[in-house]
Amino acid sequence: MPELKPAGDSALLISFGEAIDEEINGRVHAVAGTIEKAGFEWLVEVVPAYSSLLVVYDPLKATYAEVESAIKPLLSAETESFRGRLVEVPVVYGGQYGPDLEFVAEYNGLSVDDVIEIHSGPVYRVYFLGFLPGFAYLGGMDERIAAPRLEKPRLKVPAGSVGIAGRQTGIYPLESPGGWRLIGRTPLRLFNPSKEPPTLLQPGDRVKFVPIDESEFRGLYEKEWGEGID
């Protein structure tokens, strides 16, 4: 049974466990969808994560006890598969686009080619979006290429950078500071506020990284962003 507990004075946290697991994440999204469809006037938003769900409510319209009482009957919502689109993400690995690729290889006793092959092998699942608009947390990375975060984060990580942090991999949708180990970069634009939806990837989507060379990267980048890259 999921655990419910207060999170501040206007939110309730539903915990389904601690594991990064596709079935658990399916339950998270199933319950999130059920709560959203219920039409509670006190509901502000629901925020899904790997194995938990934050329910933010208006404390002027309901007490914590009332929110908890309303949500408990909804926790048995059937798990949804959330098997979304398969999105191929082209990536140029290494060099100026992936300055930490060699570190990841050496840290794990592998060759650079091994890391590229292992990283681009699986089909990853988008568990949830967070950190930055459109930043997709991907599940399914092989532990053989896990690597620690940088001790001192970079002040500027280019949009499209593909990184590894621990046993996770993800893509920076916007230029920002960041401490993930950068192994490559995609020319795709993951966040575009002029589009609907503005994020390329959605929870439940599946992601397949496809290695490309630098000339392909530059051509796709210009097409995607409408400008060249230095």
Protein backbone atom coordinates (compact mmCIF):
# COMPACT_ATOMS: atom_id res chain seq x y z
CA MET A 1 0.00 0.00 0.00
CA PRO A 2 1.42 3.42 -0.89
CA GLU A 3 2.47 5.68 1.97
CA LEU A 4 0.81 9.10 2.30
CA LYS A 5 2.33 11.95 4.30
CA PRO A 6 2.28 15.76 4.42
CA ALA A 7 4.83 17.72 2.38
CA GLY A 8 4.80 21.25 3.73
CA ASP A 9 1.50 23.00 4.42
CA SER A 10 -0.11 22.59 1.00
CA ALA A 11 1.00 19.27 -0.45
CA LEU A 12 0.66 15.54 0.09
CA LEU A 13 3.34 13.05 -0.92
CA ILE A 14 2.39 9.57 -2.09
CA SER A 15 5.32 7.13 -1.98
CA PHE A 16 5.14 3.85 -3.90
CA GLY A 17 8.59 2.64 -2.82
CA GLU A 18 12.21 3.51 -3.47
CA ALA A 19 13.07 1.54 -6.63
CA ILE A 20 13.40 2.86 -10.17
CA ASP A 21 11.01 0.38 -11.71
CA GLU A 22 8.79 0.56 -14.79
CA GLU A 23 5.78 -1.04 -13.08
CA ILE A 24 6.01 1.29 -10.08
CA ASN A 25 6.36 4.31 -12.35
CA GLY A 26 3.29 3.10 -14.23
CA ARG A 27 1.34 3.16 -10.95
CA VAL A 28 2.58 6.67 -10.24
CA HIS A 29 1.24 7.95 -13.56
CA ALA A 30 -1.98 5.94 -13.30
CA VAL A 31 -2.82 7.49 -9.93
CA ALA A 32 -1.74 10.94 -11.16
CA GLY A 33 -4.12 10.66 -14.11
CA THR A 34 -6.97 9.47 -11.89
CA ILE A 35 -6.52 12.38 -9.48
CA GLU A 36 -6.41 14.91 -12.32
CA LYS A 37 -9.59 13.48 -13.86
CA ALA A 38 -11.44 13.60 -10.54
CA GLY A 39 -11.84 17.36 -10.86
CA PHE A 40 -11.14 18.31 -7.25
CA GLU A 41 -11.56 22.08 -6.83
CA TRP A 42 -8.71 22.15 -4.34
CA LEU A 43 -6.19 20.53 -6.71
CA VAL A 44 -3.35 22.80 -7.88
CA GLU A 45 -1.14 20.23 -9.63
CA VAL A 46 0.27 16.71 -9.45
CA VAL A 47 4.02 16.17 -9.85
CA PRO A 48 5.10 12.60 -10.69
CA ALA A 49 8.62 11.30 -10.07
CA TYR A 50 10.27 7.86 -10.34
CA SER A 51 8.31 6.24 -7.51
CA SER A 52 6.39 9.05 -5.83
CA LEU A 53 3.67 11.56 -6.55
CA LEU A 54 3.36 15.03 -5.06
CA VAL A 55 -0.19 16.36 -4.85
CA VAL A 56 -0.29 20.13 -4.40
CA TYR A 57 -3.56 21.54 -3.10
CA ASP A 58 -5.06 24.89 -2.11
CA PRO A 59 -5.13 24.98 1.72
CA LEU A 60 -7.90 27.60 1.58
CA LYS A 61 -10.19 25.08 -0.10
CA ALA A 62 -9.34 21.85 1.75
CA THR A 63 -7.46 20.58 4.78
CA TYR A 64 -4.78 17.91 4.59
CA ALA A 65 -7.16 15.40 6.18
CA GLU A 66 -9.80 16.11 3.53
CA VAL A 67 -7.29 15.73 0.71
CA GLU A 68 -5.96 12.46 2.12
CA SER A 69 -9.49 11.12 2.55
CA ALA A 70 -10.36 12.00 -1.07
CA ILE A 71 -7.19 10.45 -2.51
CA LYS A 72 -7.11 7.14 -0.64
CA PRO A 73 -9.92 5.55 -2.70
CA LEU A 74 -8.04 6.45 -5.91
CA LEU A 75 -4.82 4.61 -5.04
CA SER A 76 -6.07 1.37 -6.56
CA ALA A 77 -6.15 2.88 -10.05
CA GLU A 78 -5.07 0.31 -12.62
CA THR A 79 -1.48 0.61 -13.73
CA GLU A 80 -1.15 2.13 -17.17
CA SER A 81 1.52 0.86 -19.53
CA PHE A 82 2.46 4.39 -20.67
CA ARG A 83 4.14 2.91 -23.70
CA GLY A 84 4.45 6.13 -25.64
CA ARG A 85 6.20 6.97 -28.87
CA LEU A 86 9.58 5.61 -29.85
CA VAL A 87 11.79 8.68 -30.37
CA GLU A 88 15.16 8.28 -32.05
CA VAL A 89 17.68 10.78 -30.71
CA PRO A 90 20.79 11.26 -32.88
CA VAL A 91 23.97 11.86 -30.85
CA VAL A 92 27.51 12.81 -31.77
CA TYR A 93 29.67 11.23 -29.08
CA GLY A 94 32.95 12.53 -27.65
CA GLY A 95 35.24 15.38 -28.65
CA GLN A 96 34.04 18.89 -27.86
CA TYR A 97 30.48 17.55 -27.70
CA GLY A 98 31.21 14.90 -25.07
CA PRO A 99 34.25 16.01 -23.06
CA ASP A 100 33.73 13.37 -20.34
CA LEU A 101 33.42 10.36 -22.64
CA GLU A 102 37.02 9.27 -22.07
CA PHE A 103 36.62 9.63 -18.29
CA VAL A 104 33.53 7.40 -18.32
CA ALA A 105 35.43 4.82 -20.35
CA GLU A 106 38.50 4.85 -18.09
CA TYR A 107 36.41 4.88 -14.90
CA ASN A 108 34.68 1.68 -15.99
CA GLY A 109 37.67 -0.02 -17.60
CA LEU A 110 36.15 0.20 -21.06
CA SER A 111 37.10 1.64 -24.42
CA VAL A 112 35.39 4.74 -25.79
CA ASP A 113 33.75 2.60 -28.47
CA ASP A 114 32.45 0.25 -25.75
CA VAL A 115 30.78 3.15 -23.93
CA ILE A 116 29.14 4.41 -27.13
CA GLU A 117 27.90 0.93 -28.00
CA ILE A 118 26.55 0.28 -24.50
CA HIS A 119 24.92 3.70 -24.16
CA SER A 120 23.24 3.60 -27.57
CA GLY A 121 22.15 -0.04 -27.21
CA PRO A 122 19.02 0.05 -25.00
CA VAL A 123 15.61 1.58 -25.55
CA TYR A 124 15.18 3.93 -22.59
CA ARG A 125 11.94 4.88 -20.88
CA VAL A 126 11.06 8.47 -19.97
CA TYR A 127 10.08 8.18 -16.31
CA PHE A 128 9.34 11.85 -15.68
CA LEU A 129 10.34 15.40 -16.57
CA GLY A 130 12.09 17.68 -14.10
CA PHE A 131 15.07 19.88 -13.18
CA LEU A 132 14.63 21.95 -16.37
CA PRO A 133 11.67 22.26 -18.77
CA GLY A 134 11.82 19.13 -20.93
CA PHE A 135 14.64 17.43 -19.01
CA ALA A 136 13.73 13.74 -19.29
CA TYR A 137 14.91 11.32 -16.64
CA LEU A 138 15.57 8.08 -18.51
CA GLY A 139 15.48 4.61 -17.04
CA GLY A 140 17.29 1.58 -18.38
CA MET A 141 20.94 2.61 -18.54
CA ASP A 142 23.46 -0.21 -18.28
CA GLU A 143 25.35 -0.07 -14.96
CA ARG A 144 28.59 -0.86 -16.79
CA ILE A 145 28.84 2.80 -17.83
CA ALA A 146 27.70 4.41 -14.57
CA ALA A 147 29.90 7.31 -13.45
CA PRO A 148 29.92 9.87 -10.63
CA ARG A 149 28.88 13.47 -11.09
CA LEU A 150 31.50 16.17 -11.45
CA GLU A 151 32.92 17.38 -8.14
CA LYS A 152 32.52 20.94 -9.42
CA PRO A 153 29.55 21.47 -11.78
CA ARG A 154 30.08 23.31 -15.05
CA LEU A 155 28.63 26.80 -15.18
CA LYS A 156 27.46 26.33 -18.76
CA VAL A 157 26.27 23.08 -20.34
CA PRO A 158 25.07 23.45 -23.97
CA ALA A 159 21.50 22.55 -24.86
CA GLY A 160 21.30 19.01 -26.21
CA SER A 161 24.18 17.68 -24.13
CA VAL A 162 23.81 14.01 -23.22
CA GLY A 163 25.09 13.16 -19.77
CA ILE A 164 25.54 10.43 -17.20
CA ALA A 165 25.15 10.83 -13.44
CA GLY A 166 25.44 7.68 -11.36
CA ARG A 167 23.20 5.09 -13.01
CA GLN A 168 21.12 7.67 -14.87
CA THR A 169 21.39 9.25 -18.28
CA GLY A 170 19.61 12.31 -19.59
CA ILE A 171 19.66 15.21 -22.05
CA TYR A 172 19.96 18.89 -21.18
CA PRO A 173 17.10 20.64 -23.05
CA LEU A 174 18.44 24.13 -22.35
CA GLU A 175 21.82 25.71 -21.71
CA SER A 176 22.34 25.63 -17.95
CA PRO A 177 24.81 24.83 -15.20
CA GLY A 178 25.20 21.11 -14.60
CA GLY A 179 27.28 18.42 -12.98
CA TRP A 180 26.55 15.39 -15.15
CA ARG A 181 29.35 13.72 -17.11
CA LEU A 182 28.89 14.82 -20.73
CA ILE A 183 29.42 12.08 -23.30
CA GLY A 184 27.77 13.57 -26.39
CA ARG A 185 25.28 16.00 -27.81
CA THR A 186 22.10 15.80 -29.87
CA PRO A 187 21.13 18.39 -32.49
CA LEU A 188 17.44 17.97 -31.59
CA ARG A 189 15.63 20.79 -29.82
CA LEU A 190 14.06 19.25 -26.72
CA PHE A 191 12.28 22.36 -25.49
CA ASN A 192 10.59 24.87 -27.78
CA PRO A 193 8.08 27.23 -26.10
CA SER A 194 6.53 28.10 -29.47
CA LYS A 195 5.34 24.52 -29.95
CA GLU A 196 2.51 22.59 -28.30
CA PRO A 197 3.52 20.63 -26.36
CA PRO A 198 6.77 22.55 -25.87
CA THR A 199 8.72 19.46 -24.81
CA LEU A 200 9.85 16.88 -27.35
CA LEU A 201 9.78 14.00 -24.88
CA GLN A 202 6.86 13.02 -22.64
CA PRO A 203 6.55 10.54 -19.73
CA GLY A 204 6.08 7.04 -21.11
CA ASP A 205 7.95 7.74 -24.36
CA ARG A 206 10.80 5.44 -25.34
CA VAL A 207 14.15 6.84 -26.44
CA LYS A 208 16.75 5.23 -28.70
CA PHE A 209 20.09 7.00 -29.05
CA VAL A 210 21.55 6.80 -32.56
CA PRO A 211 25.28 7.58 -33.02
CA ILE A 212 26.06 10.10 -35.79
CA ASP A 213 29.22 11.84 -36.95
CA GLU A 214 30.02 15.54 -36.64
CA SER A 215 29.01 16.45 -40.20
CA GLU A 216 25.59 14.86 -39.66
CA PHE A 217 25.30 16.68 -36.36
CA ARG A 218 26.02 20.05 -37.93
CA GLY A 219 23.51 19.50 -40.74
CA LEU A 220 20.75 18.40 -38.39
CA TYR A 221 21.54 21.21 -35.94
CA GLU A 222 21.17 23.89 -38.62
CA LYS A 223 17.88 22.35 -39.77
CA GLU A 224 16.52 22.08 -36.21
CA TRP A 225 17.68 25.42 -34.81
CA GLY A 226 17.71 27.52 -37.99
CA GLU A 227 21.34 28.49 -37.48
CA GLY A 228 24.81 27.02 -37.68
CA ILE A 229 26.98 26.02 -34.76
CA ASP A 230 30.49 27.28 -34.02
